[in-house]
Amino acid sequence: MSFLVSCPDCGRREVGEFSYGGESNRRPKPGGDTTELARYLFFRKNVAGPQVEWWFHRDGCQQWFFAVRDTRTNHIEATFWPEDRPLAASPSMPTPGEPKA
């Protein structure tokens, strides 16, 4: 199925121009528990509904950004740069300081 993704830099483009980077998870703190690290690396929430995901504009500006995508419909509700992440973040929102690229 094809749909449009709105790159914060380049605007709306076909999804084929992008690479999906996975859902955004909170990173464990440095020196944290190995169970917490394993959960971060290998487990996903896989929600049915809106979730924050990493996307890379491979055929455009070659930048990583976040998209809020409804997994049931593939509708992209919002896109934003990591540094522009909303302050009132839900648990699925990324933590500050996650790399841009």
N, C-alpha and C. Protein backbone atom coordinates (compact mmCIF):
# COMPACT_ATOMS: atom_id res chain seq x y z
N MET A 1 0.84 -1.17 0.00
CA MET A 1 0.00 0.00 0.00
C MET A 1 0.89 1.24 0.00
N SER A 2 0.54 2.21 -0.81
CA SER A 2 1.30 3.44 -0.89
C SER A 2 0.59 4.55 -0.14
N PHE A 3 1.37 5.41 0.48
CA PHE A 3 0.81 6.57 1.16
C PHE A 3 1.85 7.67 1.15
N LEU A 4 1.45 8.87 1.55
CA LEU A 4 2.33 10.02 1.54
C LEU A 4 2.90 10.27 2.94
N VAL A 5 4.17 10.65 2.97
CA VAL A 5 4.83 11.04 4.20
C VAL A 5 5.26 12.50 4.02
N SER A 6 5.00 13.31 5.02
CA SER A 6 5.36 14.72 4.95
C SER A 6 6.70 14.94 5.64
N CYS A 7 7.75 15.08 4.86
CA CYS A 7 9.08 15.35 5.41
C CYS A 7 9.09 16.78 5.95
N PRO A 8 9.62 17.01 7.16
CA PRO A 8 9.66 18.38 7.69
C PRO A 8 10.49 19.33 6.83
N ASP A 9 11.40 18.80 6.02
CA ASP A 9 12.26 19.63 5.17
C ASP A 9 11.74 19.73 3.74
N CYS A 10 11.33 18.60 3.16
CA CYS A 10 11.00 18.53 1.73
C CYS A 10 9.51 18.55 1.40
N GLY A 11 8.65 18.37 2.39
CA GLY A 11 7.22 18.33 2.12
C GLY A 11 6.72 16.92 1.85
N ARG A 12 5.50 16.82 1.30
CA ARG A 12 4.84 15.53 1.09
C ARG A 12 5.46 14.79 -0.08
N ARG A 13 5.81 13.51 0.19
CA ARG A 13 6.41 12.65 -0.82
C ARG A 13 5.86 11.24 -0.67
N GLU A 14 6.01 10.42 -1.71
CA GLU A 14 5.61 9.02 -1.66
C GLU A 14 6.44 8.28 -0.62
N VAL A 15 5.84 7.33 0.05
CA VAL A 15 6.51 6.57 1.10
C VAL A 15 7.74 5.83 0.58
N GLY A 16 7.79 5.52 -0.70
CA GLY A 16 8.92 4.82 -1.30
C GLY A 16 10.23 5.59 -1.21
N GLU A 17 10.18 6.91 -0.98
CA GLU A 17 11.38 7.72 -0.84
C GLU A 17 12.01 7.60 0.55
N PHE A 18 11.30 6.96 1.47
CA PHE A 18 11.70 6.94 2.87
C PHE A 18 12.08 5.54 3.33
N SER A 19 12.86 5.49 4.40
CA SER A 19 13.15 4.24 5.10
C SER A 19 12.54 4.34 6.48
N TYR A 20 11.86 3.29 6.88
CA TYR A 20 11.24 3.21 8.20
C TYR A 20 12.30 2.83 9.22
N GLY A 21 12.37 3.58 10.31
CA GLY A 21 13.38 3.32 11.33
C GLY A 21 12.87 2.64 12.57
N GLY A 22 11.58 2.35 12.62
CA GLY A 22 11.01 1.68 13.79
C GLY A 22 10.35 2.64 14.75
N GLU A 23 9.62 2.07 15.68
CA GLU A 23 8.94 2.90 16.68
C GLU A 23 9.95 3.50 17.64
N SER A 24 9.62 4.64 18.16
CA SER A 24 10.50 5.34 19.08
C SER A 24 10.29 4.81 20.49
N ASN A 25 11.36 4.42 21.12
CA ASN A 25 11.33 3.92 22.50
C ASN A 25 12.23 4.77 23.37
N ARG A 26 11.93 4.81 24.64
CA ARG A 26 12.80 5.52 25.58
C ARG A 26 14.06 4.69 25.83
N ARG A 27 15.19 5.35 25.74
CA ARG A 27 16.46 4.68 26.00
C ARG A 27 16.66 4.47 27.49
N PRO A 28 17.24 3.34 27.87
CA PRO A 28 17.59 3.18 29.29
C PRO A 28 18.74 4.12 29.65
N LYS A 29 18.81 4.48 30.89
CA LYS A 29 19.89 5.35 31.35
C LYS A 29 21.22 4.60 31.30
N PRO A 30 22.33 5.31 31.08
CA PRO A 30 23.64 4.65 31.07
C PRO A 30 23.88 3.90 32.39
N GLY A 31 24.44 2.72 32.27
CA GLY A 31 24.71 1.91 33.45
C GLY A 31 23.48 1.24 34.01
N GLY A 32 22.41 1.20 33.21
CA GLY A 32 21.16 0.60 33.66
C GLY A 32 21.21 -0.92 33.67
N ASP A 33 20.11 -1.48 34.09
CA ASP A 33 19.93 -2.92 34.19
C ASP A 33 19.97 -3.58 32.80
N THR A 34 20.56 -4.77 32.69
CA THR A 34 20.63 -5.46 31.40
C THR A 34 19.24 -5.88 30.92
N THR A 35 18.32 -6.15 31.83
CA THR A 35 16.95 -6.47 31.44
C THR A 35 16.29 -5.28 30.76
N GLU A 36 16.54 -4.10 31.31
CA GLU A 36 16.01 -2.88 30.72
C GLU A 36 16.60 -2.64 29.33
N LEU A 37 17.89 -2.89 29.17
CA LEU A 37 18.55 -2.75 27.87
C LEU A 37 17.99 -3.75 26.86
N ALA A 38 17.81 -5.00 27.27
CA ALA A 38 17.25 -6.02 26.38
C ALA A 38 15.84 -5.64 25.95
N ARG A 39 15.03 -5.11 26.86
CA ARG A 39 13.68 -4.68 26.54
C ARG A 39 13.71 -3.56 25.50
N TYR A 40 14.63 -2.62 25.65
CA TYR A 40 14.78 -1.51 24.70
C TYR A 40 15.18 -2.02 23.31
N LEU A 41 16.09 -2.97 23.27
CA LEU A 41 16.61 -3.46 21.99
C LEU A 41 15.68 -4.42 21.25
N PHE A 42 14.95 -5.26 21.98
CA PHE A 42 14.26 -6.37 21.32
C PHE A 42 12.74 -6.36 21.41
N PHE A 43 12.15 -5.57 22.28
CA PHE A 43 10.70 -5.59 22.43
C PHE A 43 10.08 -4.33 21.87
N ARG A 44 8.92 -4.49 21.23
CA ARG A 44 8.18 -3.37 20.67
C ARG A 44 6.76 -3.39 21.22
N LYS A 45 6.16 -2.21 21.31
CA LYS A 45 4.78 -2.12 21.80
C LYS A 45 3.79 -2.55 20.73
N ASN A 46 4.08 -2.22 19.46
CA ASN A 46 3.24 -2.62 18.34
C ASN A 46 1.78 -2.24 18.57
N VAL A 47 1.54 -0.96 18.85
CA VAL A 47 0.19 -0.48 19.15
C VAL A 47 -0.68 -0.45 17.90
N ALA A 48 -1.97 -0.57 18.10
CA ALA A 48 -2.94 -0.39 17.02
C ALA A 48 -3.48 1.03 17.17
N GLY A 49 -2.88 1.95 16.48
CA GLY A 49 -3.25 3.35 16.60
C GLY A 49 -2.02 4.23 16.41
N PRO A 50 -2.11 5.49 16.84
CA PRO A 50 -0.98 6.41 16.64
C PRO A 50 0.24 6.02 17.47
N GLN A 51 1.39 6.06 16.82
CA GLN A 51 2.65 5.83 17.53
C GLN A 51 3.71 6.70 16.88
N VAL A 52 4.72 7.07 17.67
CA VAL A 52 5.82 7.88 17.18
C VAL A 52 6.89 6.95 16.61
N GLU A 53 7.34 7.26 15.40
CA GLU A 53 8.30 6.40 14.70
C GLU A 53 9.43 7.22 14.10
N TRP A 54 10.57 6.58 13.96
CA TRP A 54 11.70 7.16 13.24
C TRP A 54 11.50 6.93 11.74
N TRP A 55 11.76 7.96 10.92
CA TRP A 55 11.75 7.84 9.47
C TRP A 55 12.98 8.55 8.92
N PHE A 56 13.51 8.03 7.82
CA PHE A 56 14.68 8.60 7.16
C PHE A 56 14.31 8.94 5.73
N HIS A 57 14.54 10.18 5.31
CA HIS A 57 14.24 10.58 3.93
C HIS A 57 15.43 10.24 3.03
N ARG A 58 15.46 9.00 2.62
CA ARG A 58 16.55 8.41 1.86
C ARG A 58 16.77 9.10 0.51
N ASP A 59 15.69 9.37 -0.23
CA ASP A 59 15.81 9.92 -1.58
C ASP A 59 15.64 11.44 -1.62
N GLY A 60 15.67 12.08 -0.46
CA GLY A 60 15.51 13.53 -0.39
C GLY A 60 16.64 14.16 0.40
N CYS A 61 16.27 14.78 1.52
CA CYS A 61 17.23 15.53 2.32
C CYS A 61 18.16 14.66 3.16
N GLN A 62 17.92 13.36 3.21
CA GLN A 62 18.73 12.39 3.94
C GLN A 62 18.84 12.75 5.42
N GLN A 63 17.70 13.08 6.02
CA GLN A 63 17.63 13.42 7.43
C GLN A 63 16.68 12.47 8.15
N TRP A 64 16.98 12.18 9.42
CA TRP A 64 16.08 11.41 10.28
C TRP A 64 15.09 12.36 10.93
N PHE A 65 13.85 11.93 11.07
CA PHE A 65 12.83 12.72 11.75
C PHE A 65 11.81 11.78 12.38
N PHE A 66 10.92 12.35 13.16
CA PHE A 66 9.85 11.58 13.79
C PHE A 66 8.55 11.80 13.05
N ALA A 67 7.74 10.76 12.96
CA ALA A 67 6.39 10.86 12.41
C ALA A 67 5.44 10.19 13.38
N VAL A 68 4.29 10.80 13.57
CA VAL A 68 3.21 10.17 14.33
C VAL A 68 2.32 9.52 13.28
N ARG A 69 2.34 8.18 13.23
CA ARG A 69 1.61 7.43 12.21
C ARG A 69 0.58 6.53 12.89
N ASP A 70 -0.64 6.55 12.35
CA ASP A 70 -1.67 5.62 12.82
C ASP A 70 -1.41 4.28 12.13
N THR A 71 -1.06 3.27 12.91
CA THR A 71 -0.67 1.98 12.34
C THR A 71 -1.84 1.24 11.69
N ARG A 72 -3.07 1.63 12.02
CA ARG A 72 -4.23 0.97 11.41
C ARG A 72 -4.51 1.47 10.01
N THR A 73 -4.21 2.75 9.75
CA THR A 73 -4.55 3.36 8.47
C THR A 73 -3.34 3.86 7.68
N ASN A 74 -2.16 3.90 8.29
CA ASN A 74 -0.95 4.49 7.73
C ASN A 74 -1.05 6.00 7.54
N HIS A 75 -2.03 6.63 8.15
CA HIS A 75 -2.18 8.09 8.07
C HIS A 75 -1.10 8.74 8.94
N ILE A 76 -0.31 9.63 8.34
CA ILE A 76 0.72 10.37 9.08
C ILE A 76 0.04 11.60 9.66
N GLU A 77 -0.04 11.66 10.99
CA GLU A 77 -0.72 12.77 11.67
C GLU A 77 0.18 13.98 11.82
N ALA A 78 1.47 13.77 12.02
CA ALA A 78 2.41 14.88 12.21
C ALA A 78 3.83 14.38 11.98
N THR A 79 4.71 15.29 11.57
CA THR A 79 6.14 14.99 11.47
C THR A 79 6.90 16.14 12.12
N PHE A 80 8.04 15.82 12.71
CA PHE A 80 8.82 16.86 13.36
C PHE A 80 10.25 16.38 13.56
N TRP A 81 11.15 17.34 13.70
CA TRP A 81 12.55 17.04 13.97
C TRP A 81 12.69 16.60 15.43
N PRO A 82 13.68 15.78 15.74
CA PRO A 82 13.87 15.34 17.13
C PRO A 82 13.97 16.50 18.12
N GLU A 83 14.63 17.58 17.74
CA GLU A 83 14.77 18.71 18.66
C GLU A 83 13.47 19.50 18.84
N ASP A 84 12.49 19.27 17.97
CA ASP A 84 11.20 19.96 18.06
C ASP A 84 10.13 19.11 18.72
N ARG A 85 10.53 18.04 19.36
CA ARG A 85 9.59 17.11 19.98
C ARG A 85 8.73 17.86 20.99
N PRO A 86 7.42 17.55 21.02
CA PRO A 86 6.51 18.23 21.96
C PRO A 86 6.95 18.03 23.41
N LEU A 87 6.75 19.07 24.23
CA LEU A 87 7.15 19.00 25.64
C LEU A 87 6.30 18.02 26.43
N ALA A 88 5.00 17.98 26.18
CA ALA A 88 4.10 17.07 26.90
C ALA A 88 4.11 15.74 26.18
N ALA A 89 5.18 15.00 26.35
CA ALA A 89 5.38 13.76 25.60
C ALA A 89 4.68 12.60 26.29
N SER A 90 4.09 11.76 25.47
CA SER A 90 3.50 10.52 25.97
C SER A 90 4.63 9.50 26.16
N PRO A 91 4.38 8.36 26.81
CA PRO A 91 5.44 7.37 27.00
C PRO A 91 6.07 6.89 25.70
N SER A 92 5.34 6.95 24.58
CA SER A 92 5.91 6.48 23.32
C SER A 92 6.76 7.54 22.63
N MET A 93 6.78 8.76 23.18
CA MET A 93 7.55 9.83 22.57
C MET A 93 9.04 9.64 22.88
N PRO A 94 9.91 10.11 21.99
CA PRO A 94 11.35 9.94 22.18
C PRO A 94 11.87 10.80 23.32
N THR A 95 12.97 10.40 23.86
CA THR A 95 13.61 11.19 24.91
C THR A 95 14.53 12.21 24.28
N PRO A 96 14.77 13.34 24.95
CA PRO A 96 15.70 14.33 24.40
C PRO A 96 17.09 13.73 24.24
N GLY A 97 17.78 14.19 23.21
CA GLY A 97 19.15 13.75 23.01
C GLY A 97 19.29 12.51 22.14
N GLU A 98 18.20 11.95 21.64
CA GLU A 98 18.34 10.84 20.71
C GLU A 98 18.90 11.40 19.41
N PRO A 99 19.77 10.66 18.72
CA PRO A 99 20.49 11.21 17.58
C PRO A 99 19.56 11.55 16.42
N LYS A 100 19.93 12.62 15.70
CA LYS A 100 19.19 13.02 14.51
C LYS A 100 19.62 12.16 13.33
N ALA A 101 20.89 11.88 13.22
CA ALA A 101 21.37 11.04 12.12
C ALA A 101 22.66 10.38 12.48
